[in-house]
């Protein structure tokens, strides 16, 4: 994976495949403490202890359609965090969902670029329009705080019967998420 947004996309895809009706994404950068963190919480099917342990093994995949039993997404995300003196934790309960928390040192030489967070979120929202997404981005620089929230549940309330995949709605989602991510200056870290 070339950037952190692609790792995030992999986790969001896993959550959607696990039947999550709500995926919460909290991305925080605190330049004073030199920490970039991702927290992804879903209410999908969850995993038992054995599957939870196996999911961090690169030679395991839950995808039945794969000829080769290799799933690199979670193990690579974990490895990249640990290479940057960060941390990785994954908690899950069968029937309760999964929580993944990953941290990176912002200024670590081996930290991958953040990449296109907006494209990742937009792809997930549009690609899994039956799922609700809550996004919160918080960026504390040395002298400013940037904060952005997006919630498809609120959007659905306003739209009524109009689907998120309606062309004008997709254009609106694209615009507000791109502007929101840009205004947090998350791409500058």
C-alpha atoms as a PDB file:
ATOM      1  CA  UNK A   1       0.000   0.000   0.000  1.00  0.00           C
ATOM      2  CA  UNK A   2       1.338   3.390  -0.975  1.00  0.00           C
ATOM      3  CA  UNK A   3      -0.339   5.581   1.631  1.00  0.00           C
ATOM      4  CA  UNK A   4      -2.412   5.506   4.808  1.00  0.00           C
ATOM      5  CA  UNK A   5      -5.679   6.288   3.026  1.00  0.00           C
ATOM      6  CA  UNK A   6      -5.379   2.944   1.208  1.00  0.00           C
ATOM      7  CA  UNK A   7      -4.955   1.146   4.533  1.00  0.00           C
ATOM      8  CA  UNK A   8      -8.070   2.948   5.721  1.00  0.00           C
ATOM      9  CA  UNK A   9      -9.945   1.900   2.575  1.00  0.00           C
ATOM     10  CA  UNK A  10      -9.042  -1.740   3.246  1.00  0.00           C
ATOM     11  CA  UNK A  11     -10.383  -1.533   6.805  1.00  0.00           C
ATOM     12  CA  UNK A  12     -13.586   0.190   5.629  1.00  0.00           C
ATOM     13  CA  UNK A  13     -14.119  -2.537   3.026  1.00  0.00           C
ATOM     14  CA  UNK A  14     -13.660  -5.192   5.730  1.00  0.00           C
ATOM     15  CA  UNK A  15     -16.228  -3.418   7.910  1.00  0.00           C
ATOM     16  CA  UNK A  16     -18.751  -3.171   5.097  1.00  0.00           C
ATOM     17  CA  UNK A  17     -18.270  -6.859   4.189  1.00  0.00           C
ATOM     18  CA  UNK A  18     -18.850  -7.704   7.861  1.00  0.00           C
ATOM     19  CA  UNK A  19     -22.362  -6.248   7.504  1.00  0.00           C
ATOM     20  CA  UNK A  20     -21.813  -3.025   9.456  1.00  0.00           C
ATOM     21  CA  UNK A  21     -24.731  -0.623   9.328  1.00  0.00           C
ATOM     22  CA  UNK A  22     -22.564   2.104  10.917  1.00  0.00           C
ATOM     23  CA  UNK A  23     -18.846   2.750  10.503  1.00  0.00           C
ATOM     24  CA  UNK A  24     -17.247   5.510  12.561  1.00  0.00           C
ATOM     25  CA  UNK A  25     -13.916   6.953  11.466  1.00  0.00           C
ATOM     26  CA  UNK A  26     -11.959   9.266  13.733  1.00  0.00           C
ATOM     27  CA  UNK A  27      -8.708  10.662  12.378  1.00  0.00           C
ATOM     28  CA  UNK A  28      -6.640  12.872  14.625  1.00  0.00           C
ATOM     29  CA  UNK A  29      -3.320  14.594  14.135  1.00  0.00           C
ATOM     30  CA  UNK A  30      -1.706  16.379  17.053  1.00  0.00           C
ATOM     31  CA  UNK A  31       1.497  18.031  15.948  1.00  0.00           C
ATOM     32  CA  UNK A  32       2.448  19.030  19.504  1.00  0.00           C
ATOM     33  CA  UNK A  33       2.481  15.416  20.667  1.00  0.00           C
ATOM     34  CA  UNK A  34       3.658  14.192  17.230  1.00  0.00           C
ATOM     35  CA  UNK A  35       0.826  11.627  16.964  1.00  0.00           C
ATOM     36  CA  UNK A  36      -1.370  10.741  14.002  1.00  0.00           C
ATOM     37  CA  UNK A  37      -4.159   8.336  14.904  1.00  0.00           C
ATOM     38  CA  UNK A  38      -6.914   6.429  13.171  1.00  0.00           C
ATOM     39  CA  UNK A  39      -9.820   4.833  15.007  1.00  0.00           C
ATOM     40  CA  UNK A  40     -12.329   2.814  12.997  1.00  0.00           C
ATOM     41  CA  UNK A  41     -15.341   1.381  14.802  1.00  0.00           C
ATOM     42  CA  UNK A  42     -18.017  -0.726  13.184  1.00  0.00           C
ATOM     43  CA  UNK A  43     -21.112  -2.584  14.350  1.00  0.00           C
ATOM     44  CA  UNK A  44     -20.624  -5.479  11.934  1.00  0.00           C
ATOM     45  CA  UNK A  45     -20.580  -9.182  12.675  1.00  0.00           C
ATOM     46  CA  UNK A  46     -17.401  -8.994  14.725  1.00  0.00           C
ATOM     47  CA  UNK A  47     -14.919 -11.799  15.273  1.00  0.00           C
ATOM     48  CA  UNK A  48     -14.313 -14.482  17.843  1.00  0.00           C
ATOM     49  CA  UNK A  49     -10.930 -14.555  19.634  1.00  0.00           C
ATOM     50  CA  UNK A  50      -9.399 -17.045  17.185  1.00  0.00           C
ATOM     51  CA  UNK A  51     -10.402 -15.047  14.088  1.00  0.00           C
ATOM     52  CA  UNK A  52      -9.285 -11.803  15.752  1.00  0.00           C
ATOM     53  CA  UNK A  53      -5.846 -13.272  16.341  1.00  0.00           C
ATOM     54  CA  UNK A  54      -5.671 -14.761  12.819  1.00  0.00           C
ATOM     55  CA  UNK A  55      -6.682 -11.478  11.156  1.00  0.00           C
ATOM     56  CA  UNK A  56      -3.294 -10.033  12.073  1.00  0.00           C
ATOM     57  CA  UNK A  57      -1.505 -12.924  10.335  1.00  0.00           C
ATOM     58  CA  UNK A  58      -0.541 -12.231   6.691  1.00  0.00           C
ATOM     59  CA  UNK A  59      -1.311 -15.836   5.734  1.00  0.00           C
ATOM     60  CA  UNK A  60      -4.975 -15.576   6.711  1.00  0.00           C
ATOM     61  CA  UNK A  61      -7.962 -14.213   4.812  1.00  0.00           C
ATOM     62  CA  UNK A  62     -11.675 -14.410   5.459  1.00  0.00           C
ATOM     63  CA  UNK A  63     -12.454 -14.040   1.757  1.00  0.00           C
ATOM     64  CA  UNK A  64     -13.778 -17.384   0.541  1.00  0.00           C
ATOM     65  CA  UNK A  65     -13.253 -16.389  -3.100  1.00  0.00           C
ATOM     66  CA  UNK A  66      -9.483 -16.168  -2.722  1.00  0.00           C
ATOM     67  CA  UNK A  67      -7.498 -19.057  -4.196  1.00  0.00           C
ATOM     68  CA  UNK A  68      -4.522 -18.124  -2.052  1.00  0.00           C
ATOM     69  CA  UNK A  69      -5.155 -17.712   1.641  1.00  0.00           C
ATOM     70  CA  UNK A  70      -3.286 -14.421   2.095  1.00  0.00           C
ATOM     71  CA  UNK A  71      -4.701 -11.251   3.610  1.00  0.00           C
ATOM     72  CA  UNK A  72      -2.104  -8.509   3.875  1.00  0.00           C
ATOM     73  CA  UNK A  73      -4.256  -5.463   4.690  1.00  0.00           C
ATOM     74  CA  UNK A  74      -4.392  -5.621   8.485  1.00  0.00           C
ATOM     75  CA  UNK A  75      -0.862  -7.058   8.954  1.00  0.00           C
ATOM     76  CA  UNK A  76       0.659  -4.347   6.738  1.00  0.00           C
ATOM     77  CA  UNK A  77      -1.266  -1.587   8.546  1.00  0.00           C
ATOM     78  CA  UNK A  78       0.063  -2.949  11.847  1.00  0.00           C
ATOM     79  CA  UNK A  79       3.606  -3.288  10.512  1.00  0.00           C
ATOM     80  CA  UNK A  80       3.626   0.257   9.110  1.00  0.00           C
ATOM     81  CA  UNK A  81       2.439   1.673  12.440  1.00  0.00           C
ATOM     82  CA  UNK A  82       5.074  -0.230  14.398  1.00  0.00           C
ATOM     83  CA  UNK A  83       7.812   0.838  11.941  1.00  0.00           C
ATOM     84  CA  UNK A  84       6.946   4.435  12.836  1.00  0.00           C
ATOM     85  CA  UNK A  85       7.129   3.851  16.585  1.00  0.00           C
ATOM     86  CA  UNK A  86       3.343   3.831  16.646  1.00  0.00           C
ATOM     87  CA  UNK A  87       0.848   1.275  17.834  1.00  0.00           C
ATOM     88  CA  UNK A  88      -1.881  -1.009  16.552  1.00  0.00           C
ATOM     89  CA  UNK A  89      -4.790  -2.572  18.395  1.00  0.00           C
ATOM     90  CA  UNK A  90      -7.799  -4.477  17.186  1.00  0.00           C
ATOM     91  CA  UNK A  91     -10.688  -5.485  19.424  1.00  0.00           C
ATOM     92  CA  UNK A  92     -13.751  -7.395  18.408  1.00  0.00           C
ATOM     93  CA  UNK A  93     -16.657  -9.323  19.847  1.00  0.00           C
ATOM     94  CA  UNK A  94     -18.712 -11.751  17.829  1.00  0.00           C
ATOM     95  CA  UNK A  95     -21.988 -10.024  16.976  1.00  0.00           C
ATOM     96  CA  UNK A  96     -20.775  -6.709  18.412  1.00  0.00           C
ATOM     97  CA  UNK A  97     -18.424  -5.290  15.795  1.00  0.00           C
ATOM     98  CA  UNK A  98     -14.763  -4.349  15.634  1.00  0.00           C
ATOM     99  CA  UNK A  99     -12.584  -1.440  16.753  1.00  0.00           C
ATOM    100  CA  UNK A 100      -9.193  -0.770  15.176  1.00  0.00           C
ATOM    101  CA  UNK A 101      -6.887   1.898  16.592  1.00  0.00           C
ATOM    102  CA  UNK A 102      -3.626   2.787  14.880  1.00  0.00           C
ATOM    103  CA  UNK A 103      -1.097   5.491  15.734  1.00  0.00           C
ATOM    104  CA  UNK A 104       1.967   6.845  13.954  1.00  0.00           C
ATOM    105  CA  UNK A 105       4.628   9.359  14.862  1.00  0.00           C
ATOM    106  CA  UNK A 106       3.906  12.227  12.506  1.00  0.00           C
ATOM    107  CA  UNK A 107       7.516  13.167  11.829  1.00  0.00           C
ATOM    108  CA  UNK A 108       8.898   9.617  11.632  1.00  0.00           C
ATOM    109  CA  UNK A 109      10.960   9.175   8.486  1.00  0.00           C
ATOM    110  CA  UNK A 110       9.205   5.890   7.612  1.00  0.00           C
ATOM    111  CA  UNK A 111       5.628   7.178   7.995  1.00  0.00           C
ATOM    112  CA  UNK A 112       3.703   6.826   4.782  1.00  0.00           C
ATOM    113  CA  UNK A 113       1.932   9.910   3.438  1.00  0.00           C
ATOM    114  CA  UNK A 114      -1.699  10.293   4.466  1.00  0.00           C
ATOM    115  CA  UNK A 115      -2.844  10.137   0.851  1.00  0.00           C
ATOM    116  CA  UNK A 116      -6.302  11.028  -0.360  1.00  0.00           C
ATOM    117  CA  UNK A 117      -8.575  10.702   2.647  1.00  0.00           C
ATOM    118  CA  UNK A 118     -11.388  12.385   0.765  1.00  0.00           C
ATOM    119  CA  UNK A 119     -11.307   9.868  -2.096  1.00  0.00           C
ATOM    120  CA  UNK A 120     -11.205   6.974   0.373  1.00  0.00           C
ATOM    121  CA  UNK A 121     -14.214   8.205   2.347  1.00  0.00           C
ATOM    122  CA  UNK A 122     -16.198   9.133  -0.769  1.00  0.00           C
ATOM    123  CA  UNK A 123     -15.508   5.728  -2.347  1.00  0.00           C
ATOM    124  CA  UNK A 124     -16.727   3.958   0.773  1.00  0.00           C
ATOM    125  CA  UNK A 125     -19.828   6.105   1.226  1.00  0.00           C
ATOM    126  CA  UNK A 126     -20.884   5.763  -2.412  1.00  0.00           C
ATOM    127  CA  UNK A 127     -19.726   2.163  -2.810  1.00  0.00           C
ATOM    128  CA  UNK A 128     -21.583   1.002   0.301  1.00  0.00           C
ATOM    129  CA  UNK A 129     -24.476   3.437   0.311  1.00  0.00           C
ATOM    130  CA  UNK A 130     -26.565   1.168   2.537  1.00  0.00           C
ATOM    131  CA  UNK A 131     -24.041   1.713   5.339  1.00  0.00           C
ATOM    132  CA  UNK A 132     -23.950   4.856   7.460  1.00  0.00           C
ATOM    133  CA  UNK A 133     -20.644   6.637   7.981  1.00  0.00           C
ATOM    134  CA  UNK A 134     -19.572   9.084  10.639  1.00  0.00           C
ATOM    135  CA  UNK A 135     -16.279  10.871   9.955  1.00  0.00           C
ATOM    136  CA  UNK A 136     -14.491  13.132  12.414  1.00  0.00           C
ATOM    137  CA  UNK A 137     -11.155  14.720  11.551  1.00  0.00           C
ATOM    138  CA  UNK A 138      -9.296  16.728  14.165  1.00  0.00           C
ATOM    139  CA  UNK A 139      -5.968  18.379  13.353  1.00  0.00           C
ATOM    140  CA  UNK A 140      -4.103  20.316  16.023  1.00  0.00           C
ATOM    141  CA  UNK A 141      -1.181  22.240  14.584  1.00  0.00           C
ATOM    142  CA  UNK A 142       1.263  24.215  16.689  1.00  0.00           C
ATOM    143  CA  UNK A 143      -1.108  27.194  16.751  1.00  0.00           C
ATOM    144  CA  UNK A 144      -4.497  26.188  15.316  1.00  0.00           C
ATOM    145  CA  UNK A 145      -7.155  23.510  15.568  1.00  0.00           C
ATOM    146  CA  UNK A 146      -9.063  22.268  12.542  1.00  0.00           C
ATOM    147  CA  UNK A 147     -12.165  20.173  13.058  1.00  0.00           C
ATOM    148  CA  UNK A 148     -14.496  18.502  10.555  1.00  0.00           C
ATOM    149  CA  UNK A 149     -17.453  16.130  10.873  1.00  0.00           C
ATOM    150  CA  UNK A 150     -19.568  14.346   8.279  1.00  0.00           C
ATOM    151  CA  UNK A 151     -22.461  12.022   9.088  1.00  0.00           C
ATOM    152  CA  UNK A 152     -24.572  10.207   6.512  1.00  0.00           C
ATOM    153  CA  UNK A 153     -27.326   9.715   9.116  1.00  0.00           C
ATOM    154  CA  UNK A 154     -27.927  13.467   9.180  1.00  0.00           C
ATOM    155  CA  UNK A 155     -27.781  13.605   5.405  1.00  0.00           C
ATOM    156  CA  UNK A 156     -30.354  10.797   5.127  1.00  0.00           C
ATOM    157  CA  UNK A 157     -32.707  12.716   7.451  1.00  0.00           C
ATOM    158  CA  UNK A 158     -32.559  15.696   5.109  1.00  0.00           C
ATOM    159  CA  UNK A 159     -32.889  13.616   1.946  1.00  0.00           C
ATOM    160  CA  UNK A 160     -35.853  11.490   2.989  1.00  0.00           C
ATOM    161  CA  UNK A 161     -36.388   8.907   0.235  1.00  0.00           C
ATOM    162  CA  UNK A 162     -33.653  10.234  -2.053  1.00  0.00           C
ATOM    163  CA  UNK A 163     -30.747   7.719  -2.086  1.00  0.00           C
ATOM    164  CA  UNK A 164     -27.117   8.643  -1.471  1.00  0.00           C
ATOM    165  CA  UNK A 165     -26.363   7.312  -4.957  1.00  0.00           C
ATOM    166  CA  UNK A 166     -28.575   9.918  -6.657  1.00  0.00           C
ATOM    167  CA  UNK A 167     -26.180  11.888  -8.943  1.00  0.00           C
ATOM    168  CA  UNK A 168     -26.764  15.297  -7.326  1.00  0.00           C
ATOM    169  CA  UNK A 169     -26.324  13.761  -3.864  1.00  0.00           C
ATOM    170  CA  UNK A 170     -23.091  12.022  -4.896  1.00  0.00           C
ATOM    171  CA  UNK A 171     -21.808  15.342  -6.238  1.00  0.00           C
ATOM    172  CA  UNK A 172     -22.746  17.038  -2.957  1.00  0.00           C
ATOM    173  CA  UNK A 173     -21.028  14.309  -0.897  1.00  0.00           C
ATOM    174  CA  UNK A 174     -17.917  14.620  -3.041  1.00  0.00           C
ATOM    175  CA  UNK A 175     -17.861  18.390  -2.607  1.00  0.00           C
ATOM    176  CA  UNK A 176     -18.441  18.531   1.169  1.00  0.00           C
ATOM    177  CA  UNK A 177     -15.982  15.768   2.000  1.00  0.00           C
ATOM    178  CA  UNK A 178     -13.269  17.176  -0.276  1.00  0.00           C
ATOM    179  CA  UNK A 179     -13.750  20.654   1.209  1.00  0.00           C
ATOM    180  CA  UNK A 180     -13.886  19.319   4.759  1.00  0.00           C
ATOM    181  CA  UNK A 181     -10.698  17.287   4.435  1.00  0.00           C
ATOM    182  CA  UNK A 182      -8.930  20.159   2.656  1.00  0.00           C
ATOM    183  CA  UNK A 183      -9.968  22.623   5.384  1.00  0.00           C
ATOM    184  CA  UNK A 184      -8.490  20.414   8.120  1.00  0.00           C
ATOM    185  CA  UNK A 185      -5.084  20.672   6.394  1.00  0.00           C
ATOM    186  CA  UNK A 186      -4.649  16.957   7.066  1.00  0.00           C
ATOM    187  CA  UNK A 187      -2.883  16.578   3.723  1.00  0.00           C
ATOM    188  CA  UNK A 188      -0.127  18.879   4.970  1.00  0.00           C
ATOM    189  CA  UNK A 189       1.193  16.507   7.608  1.00  0.00           C
END
